[in-house]
């Protein structure tokens, strides 16, 4: 009978490293975790032993030794179709890419306004809040714990927290001013969920632009939705049934703007002959409809990247480091969905 040679165990421990190097476990821990003072001679012994044994330190053990976690939690408000949302997918993609570059582990958590749906903050090294819809209490909790955190897509001026936001108000004004420059005065607005800061600021920008251009406000031209295509459909049907329908509409998202286009076609209307449309997002799907959508481009990828960069800075900074509050500009992208009166 032939006996097979027993291969050495692959699960080498810190004890094995200490035994081979001829030093204490404490010394090995200090070298691996880069904490505390160690003689250069002993450091070299430990590194040689690690290399020979092909030892891979436990991430969890390192966290216990250093008191730090490299887990970053991304909290996104839960809503219908979140994983079909251009906004959510762009945030997840950009956040994940930059977390990988910084060697941070990403934990995705969907939350709603119920307290029990919140994330257990213990064990994470930092948190990125995508907006603070129903999660303000968790932002306050993280700040009390001294946990590094950043809010994106919401400018927070009443809490000492870093934030990265989009100039939603300025973007909305650009959209309306463009329509006015084409000769439109009967301009409607299909808003998103105004409990969100983004939708609230886009509505505010629409109102300000009308006022600055001395165009009388028609309350019937403001139709509030929850950002869903279903409610966008209902809103657009109302627009087309009006005794004096608008000649143009500014829609709070590209997804809803595309639904307005769909309803127009079903009713035998022509875009932009019967209605000029401006969306908000610069969703790539706006390029492939029957008419390329004029829109407001918001830098979602940059917002997420800036959020991760700021969180990484806070995670590696001393306590008491000053927070940053950043507002990113938008850009009008002119395509085919608007016409001059």
Protein backbone atom coordinates (compact mmCIF):
# COMPACT_ATOMS: atom_id res chain seq x y z
CA UNK A 1 0.00 0.00 0.00
CA UNK A 2 1.36 3.39 -0.98
CA UNK A 3 1.05 6.16 1.55
CA UNK A 4 0.42 9.63 0.26
CA UNK A 5 2.50 12.35 1.76
CA UNK A 6 0.40 14.54 4.01
CA UNK A 7 0.44 18.11 2.73
CA UNK A 8 0.91 20.87 5.28
CA UNK A 9 -2.24 22.66 6.44
CA UNK A 10 -3.14 25.71 4.43
CA UNK A 11 -4.79 27.33 7.45
CA UNK A 12 -1.70 28.77 9.04
CA UNK A 13 -2.31 30.78 12.19
CA UNK A 14 -0.56 33.64 13.88
CA UNK A 15 0.82 31.05 16.35
CA UNK A 16 2.64 29.31 13.48
CA UNK A 17 4.16 32.61 12.36
CA UNK A 18 5.30 33.43 15.90
CA UNK A 19 6.80 29.94 16.35
CA UNK A 20 8.74 30.06 13.08
CA UNK A 21 9.96 33.63 13.65
CA UNK A 22 10.92 32.90 17.26
CA UNK A 23 8.97 35.89 18.61
CA UNK A 24 5.81 36.43 20.64
CA UNK A 25 2.29 36.50 19.20
CA UNK A 26 2.04 40.14 20.31
CA UNK A 27 5.07 41.02 18.19
CA UNK A 28 3.54 39.30 15.14
CA UNK A 29 0.26 41.15 15.69
CA UNK A 30 2.06 44.50 15.92
CA UNK A 31 3.97 43.87 12.68
CA UNK A 32 0.92 42.69 10.72
CA UNK A 33 -1.38 45.46 11.93
CA UNK A 34 1.34 48.14 11.84
CA UNK A 35 0.67 49.23 15.40
CA UNK A 36 3.15 49.73 18.23
CA UNK A 37 6.95 49.68 18.22
CA UNK A 38 8.86 46.58 17.05
CA UNK A 39 12.63 46.08 16.68
CA UNK A 40 13.70 46.01 13.04
CA UNK A 41 15.36 42.61 13.52
CA UNK A 42 12.11 41.09 14.82
CA UNK A 43 10.08 42.79 12.11
CA UNK A 44 12.27 41.16 9.46
CA UNK A 45 11.88 37.73 11.13
CA UNK A 46 8.11 38.08 11.15
CA UNK A 47 7.92 39.16 7.51
CA UNK A 48 10.15 36.26 6.46
CA UNK A 49 7.93 33.82 8.36
CA UNK A 50 4.77 35.31 6.83
CA UNK A 51 6.27 34.90 3.36
CA UNK A 52 7.47 31.33 3.97
CA UNK A 53 4.14 30.18 5.43
CA UNK A 54 2.11 32.20 2.91
CA UNK A 55 0.17 33.48 5.88
CA UNK A 56 -2.91 35.62 5.16
CA UNK A 57 -4.09 37.66 8.16
CA UNK A 58 -7.74 37.47 9.13
CA UNK A 59 -9.58 40.66 8.22
CA UNK A 60 -11.69 40.31 11.35
CA UNK A 61 -8.63 39.88 13.54
CA UNK A 62 -7.08 42.97 12.01
CA UNK A 63 -10.23 44.95 12.76
CA UNK A 64 -10.12 43.82 16.39
CA UNK A 65 -6.46 44.75 16.67
CA UNK A 66 -6.73 48.19 15.08
CA UNK A 67 -10.24 49.06 16.24
CA UNK A 68 -11.12 50.03 12.65
CA UNK A 69 -13.44 48.51 10.07
CA UNK A 70 -13.09 48.91 6.32
CA UNK A 71 -16.78 48.15 5.73
CA UNK A 72 -18.68 51.04 4.13
CA UNK A 73 -22.47 50.93 4.24
CA UNK A 74 -24.48 52.54 1.42
CA UNK A 75 -28.05 53.28 2.55
CA UNK A 76 -30.55 53.77 -0.28
CA UNK A 77 -34.25 54.56 0.35
CA UNK A 78 -36.46 51.65 -0.62
CA UNK A 79 -39.00 52.38 -3.36
CA UNK A 80 -40.79 50.47 -6.11
CA UNK A 81 -38.45 49.51 -8.95
CA UNK A 82 -35.30 50.62 -7.13
CA UNK A 83 -33.16 48.09 -9.02
CA UNK A 84 -34.52 49.34 -12.34
CA UNK A 85 -33.76 52.93 -11.40
CA UNK A 86 -31.07 54.73 -13.40
CA UNK A 87 -30.34 56.86 -10.34
CA UNK A 88 -29.85 53.93 -7.95
CA UNK A 89 -27.83 51.82 -10.39
CA UNK A 90 -25.47 54.70 -11.18
CA UNK A 91 -24.89 55.33 -7.46
CA UNK A 92 -24.23 51.66 -6.71
CA UNK A 93 -21.89 51.30 -9.70
CA UNK A 94 -19.80 54.38 -8.89
CA UNK A 95 -19.71 53.72 -5.14
CA UNK A 96 -18.66 50.11 -5.64
CA UNK A 97 -15.91 51.00 -8.11
CA UNK A 98 -14.30 53.60 -5.87
CA UNK A 99 -14.68 51.47 -2.72
CA UNK A 100 -12.74 48.76 -4.50
CA UNK A 101 -10.01 51.26 -5.40
CA UNK A 102 -9.73 52.30 -1.74
CA UNK A 103 -9.86 48.64 -0.59
CA UNK A 104 -13.14 49.20 1.23
CA UNK A 105 -15.87 46.54 1.52
CA UNK A 106 -19.28 47.80 0.38
CA UNK A 107 -22.46 46.85 2.23
CA UNK A 108 -25.71 47.80 0.45
CA UNK A 109 -28.74 48.41 2.64
CA UNK A 110 -32.23 49.36 1.45
CA UNK A 111 -34.19 51.26 4.07
CA UNK A 112 -37.52 52.98 4.56
CA UNK A 113 -38.92 55.33 7.18
CA UNK A 114 -39.66 52.59 9.73
CA UNK A 115 -37.14 52.68 12.62
CA UNK A 116 -36.69 48.88 12.56
CA UNK A 117 -35.59 49.03 8.91
CA UNK A 118 -32.48 50.99 9.84
CA UNK A 119 -28.99 49.55 9.65
CA UNK A 120 -27.12 48.36 12.75
CA UNK A 121 -24.23 50.82 12.62
CA UNK A 122 -21.95 48.78 14.87
CA UNK A 123 -19.26 47.00 12.91
CA UNK A 124 -19.14 49.42 9.98
CA UNK A 125 -16.31 51.88 9.43
CA UNK A 126 -18.38 54.54 7.67
CA UNK A 127 -21.77 55.23 6.11
CA UNK A 128 -22.94 56.88 2.90
CA UNK A 129 -26.56 58.00 3.09
CA UNK A 130 -28.19 58.33 -0.32
CA UNK A 131 -30.55 61.16 0.63
CA UNK A 132 -32.03 61.15 4.14
CA UNK A 133 -35.65 60.20 3.47
CA UNK A 134 -36.78 58.80 6.82
CA UNK A 135 -33.17 58.14 7.85
CA UNK A 136 -32.30 61.42 9.55
CA UNK A 137 -32.37 59.68 12.93
CA UNK A 138 -29.64 57.31 11.67
CA UNK A 139 -27.48 60.22 10.50
CA UNK A 140 -27.83 61.76 13.97
CA UNK A 141 -27.06 58.38 15.58
CA UNK A 142 -23.91 57.98 13.46
CA UNK A 143 -22.73 61.48 14.40
CA UNK A 144 -23.27 60.76 18.12
CA UNK A 145 -21.20 57.58 17.77
CA UNK A 146 -18.41 59.53 16.06
CA UNK A 147 -18.86 57.32 13.00
CA UNK A 148 -17.62 58.86 9.71
CA UNK A 149 -20.58 59.50 7.44
CA UNK A 150 -21.48 61.40 4.28
CA UNK A 151 -24.87 62.32 2.84
CA UNK A 152 -25.23 62.42 -0.95
CA UNK A 153 -28.06 63.85 -3.05
CA UNK A 154 -29.12 66.08 -0.18
CA UNK A 155 -27.58 69.36 0.98
CA UNK A 156 -27.67 69.21 4.78
CA UNK A 157 -27.10 72.62 6.33
CA UNK A 158 -28.38 71.97 9.86
CA UNK A 159 -26.16 69.01 10.85
CA UNK A 160 -22.35 68.81 11.14
CA UNK A 161 -22.11 66.19 8.41
CA UNK A 162 -20.32 66.15 5.06
CA UNK A 163 -22.65 66.19 2.07
CA UNK A 164 -22.47 66.12 -1.73
CA UNK A 165 -25.53 67.46 -3.53
CA UNK A 166 -26.71 68.39 -7.02
CA UNK A 167 -27.78 71.92 -7.94
CA UNK A 168 -31.36 70.82 -8.58
CA UNK A 169 -32.77 74.32 -8.31
CA UNK A 170 -30.29 75.72 -10.85
CA UNK A 171 -30.90 72.80 -13.21
CA UNK A 172 -34.66 73.33 -13.11
CA UNK A 173 -34.25 77.03 -13.83
CA UNK A 174 -32.04 76.18 -16.83
CA UNK A 175 -34.76 73.89 -18.20
CA UNK A 176 -37.53 76.49 -17.87
CA UNK A 177 -35.35 79.36 -19.13
CA UNK A 178 -34.55 77.31 -22.22
CA UNK A 179 -38.24 76.73 -22.93
CA UNK A 180 -38.94 80.43 -22.42
CA UNK A 181 -36.13 81.27 -24.85
CA UNK A 182 -37.98 79.19 -27.46
CA UNK A 183 -41.09 81.32 -26.99
CA UNK A 184 -43.07 79.10 -24.61
CA UNK A 185 -45.20 80.68 -21.88
CA UNK A 186 -47.65 77.89 -21.10
CA UNK A 187 -45.13 75.66 -19.36
CA UNK A 188 -46.24 72.80 -17.09
CA UNK A 189 -44.22 70.85 -14.53
CA UNK A 190 -44.58 67.17 -13.66
CA UNK A 191 -42.76 66.96 -10.35
CA UNK A 192 -41.31 64.03 -8.47
CA UNK A 193 -42.02 63.17 -4.85
CA UNK A 194 -41.68 66.55 -3.11
CA UNK A 195 -40.83 64.86 0.20
CA UNK A 196 -37.40 64.45 -1.42
CA UNK A 197 -35.12 67.47 -1.52
CA UNK A 198 -34.35 66.91 -5.22
CA UNK A 199 -38.00 67.10 -6.32
CA UNK A 200 -38.71 69.99 -3.95
CA UNK A 201 -35.79 72.02 -5.36
CA UNK A 202 -36.75 71.25 -8.97
CA UNK A 203 -40.26 72.53 -8.27
CA UNK A 204 -38.78 75.60 -6.57
CA UNK A 205 -36.53 76.23 -9.57
CA UNK A 206 -39.52 75.95 -11.93
CA UNK A 207 -41.46 78.52 -9.88
CA UNK A 208 -38.50 80.91 -9.64
CA UNK A 209 -37.87 80.76 -13.39
CA UNK A 210 -41.51 81.59 -14.15
CA UNK A 211 -41.37 84.54 -11.77
CA UNK A 212 -38.07 85.84 -13.16
CA UNK A 213 -39.48 85.64 -16.71
CA UNK A 214 -42.72 87.36 -15.60
CA UNK A 215 -44.90 84.43 -16.57
CA UNK A 216 -48.10 84.06 -14.56
CA UNK A 217 -48.32 80.84 -12.55
CA UNK A 218 -51.09 78.41 -13.50
CA UNK A 219 -51.52 76.06 -10.51
CA UNK A 220 -53.21 73.54 -12.79
CA UNK A 221 -49.96 73.17 -14.70
CA UNK A 222 -48.21 71.66 -11.64
CA UNK A 223 -48.78 67.90 -11.35
CA UNK A 224 -47.10 66.14 -8.43
CA UNK A 225 -46.13 62.46 -8.63
CA UNK A 226 -44.05 59.88 -6.77
CA UNK A 227 -41.50 59.65 -9.65
CA UNK A 228 -43.19 56.49 -10.99
CA UNK A 229 -44.04 56.04 -14.66
CA UNK A 230 -47.60 55.12 -13.68
CA UNK A 231 -48.24 58.50 -12.08
CA UNK A 232 -46.37 60.24 -14.91
CA UNK A 233 -48.86 58.62 -17.30
CA UNK A 234 -51.82 59.92 -15.28
CA UNK A 235 -50.28 63.41 -15.14
CA UNK A 236 -49.62 63.55 -18.89
CA UNK A 237 -53.17 62.39 -19.68
CA UNK A 238 -54.43 65.33 -17.57
CA UNK A 239 -52.19 67.72 -19.51
CA UNK A 240 -53.51 66.62 -22.88
CA UNK A 241 -57.14 66.86 -21.68
CA UNK A 242 -56.84 70.46 -20.46
CA UNK A 243 -59.03 73.11 -22.19
CA UNK A 244 -55.87 75.14 -22.73
CA UNK A 245 -53.04 72.56 -22.67
CA UNK A 246 -49.45 73.67 -22.13
CA UNK A 247 -47.12 74.00 -25.10
CA UNK A 248 -44.18 72.71 -23.05
CA UNK A 249 -43.51 70.64 -19.95
CA UNK A 250 -40.53 70.31 -17.65
CA UNK A 251 -40.50 66.79 -16.16
CA UNK A 252 -38.58 65.98 -12.96
CA UNK A 253 -37.02 62.80 -14.37
CA UNK A 254 -36.17 61.34 -17.77
CA UNK A 255 -38.04 58.13 -16.98
CA UNK A 256 -41.27 60.10 -16.48
CA UNK A 257 -40.54 62.28 -19.53
CA UNK A 258 -40.34 59.15 -21.69
CA UNK A 259 -43.73 58.09 -20.35
CA UNK A 260 -45.15 61.48 -21.39
CA UNK A 261 -43.80 60.81 -24.90
CA UNK A 262 -45.44 57.37 -24.91
CA UNK A 263 -48.83 58.81 -23.93
CA UNK A 264 -48.51 61.52 -26.60
CA UNK A 265 -47.94 58.91 -29.31
CA UNK A 266 -50.92 56.84 -28.12
CA UNK A 267 -53.13 59.93 -28.39
CA UNK A 268 -51.86 60.72 -31.87
CA UNK A 269 -49.82 63.69 -30.70
CA UNK A 270 -46.46 64.70 -32.06
CA UNK A 271 -43.37 65.57 -30.01
CA UNK A 272 -42.26 68.36 -30.25
CA UNK A 273 -44.95 69.76 -32.59
CA UNK A 274 -47.74 69.39 -30.02
CA UNK A 275 -45.64 69.50 -26.85
CA UNK A 276 -42.02 70.36 -26.07
CA UNK A 277 -40.45 68.28 -23.29
CA UNK A 278 -37.39 68.71 -21.07
CA UNK A 279 -36.42 65.93 -18.64
CA UNK A 280 -33.90 65.68 -15.82
CA UNK A 281 -31.11 63.07 -15.35
CA UNK A 282 -29.53 62.44 -18.76
CA UNK A 283 -30.61 58.81 -18.66
CA UNK A 284 -29.12 57.04 -21.76
CA UNK A 285 -32.59 55.64 -22.56
CA UNK A 286 -33.59 59.20 -23.49
CA UNK A 287 -31.45 58.87 -26.63
CA UNK A 288 -33.28 55.87 -28.04
CA UNK A 289 -36.93 56.91 -28.03
CA UNK A 290 -38.80 58.13 -31.10
CA UNK A 291 -37.41 61.59 -30.29
CA UNK A 292 -34.11 62.20 -28.47
CA UNK A 293 -34.93 63.84 -25.16
CA UNK A 294 -33.63 67.28 -24.19
CA UNK A 295 -32.64 67.02 -20.56
CA UNK A 296 -30.69 68.35 -17.60
CA UNK A 297 -27.57 66.29 -17.01
CA UNK A 298 -26.81 65.68 -13.35
CA UNK A 299 -23.39 64.24 -12.44
CA UNK A 300 -24.55 61.14 -10.54
CA UNK A 301 -21.27 59.27 -10.96
CA UNK A 302 -19.24 62.24 -9.76
CA UNK A 303 -21.57 62.74 -6.80
CA UNK A 304 -21.09 59.13 -5.68
CA UNK A 305 -17.33 59.28 -6.27
CA UNK A 306 -16.98 62.51 -4.29
CA UNK A 307 -19.02 60.92 -1.51
CA UNK A 308 -16.68 57.91 -1.28
CA UNK A 309 -13.58 60.13 -1.44
CA UNK A 310 -14.91 62.31 1.37
CA UNK A 311 -15.84 59.28 3.49
CA UNK A 312 -12.40 57.74 2.96
CA UNK A 313 -10.83 61.04 4.05
CA UNK A 314 -12.93 61.11 7.22
CA UNK A 315 -12.21 57.45 8.01
CA UNK A 316 -8.48 58.12 7.88
CA UNK A 317 -8.53 61.54 9.57
CA UNK A 318 -8.30 62.50 13.22
CA UNK A 319 -11.44 63.13 15.24
CA UNK A 320 -12.75 66.66 14.91
CA UNK A 321 -11.77 66.98 11.23
CA UNK A 322 -13.85 69.64 9.48
CA UNK A 323 -16.68 68.39 7.27
CA UNK A 324 -17.19 69.43 3.64
CA UNK A 325 -20.38 70.53 1.92
CA UNK A 326 -20.26 70.26 -1.88
CA UNK A 327 -22.80 71.26 -4.56
CA UNK A 328 -22.20 69.94 -8.09
CA UNK A 329 -23.46 71.87 -11.15
CA UNK A 330 -25.88 70.55 -13.77
CA UNK A 331 -25.83 70.97 -17.55
CA UNK A 332 -28.55 71.52 -20.15
CA UNK A 333 -28.31 68.94 -22.97
CA UNK A 334 -30.26 70.07 -26.04
CA UNK A 335 -31.64 67.34 -28.32
CA UNK A 336 -34.83 66.99 -30.38
CA UNK A 337 -37.80 67.13 -27.99
CA UNK A 338 -38.32 70.91 -28.01
CA UNK A 339 -39.33 73.35 -30.74
CA UNK A 340 -39.47 77.12 -31.19
CA UNK A 341 -42.97 78.56 -31.18
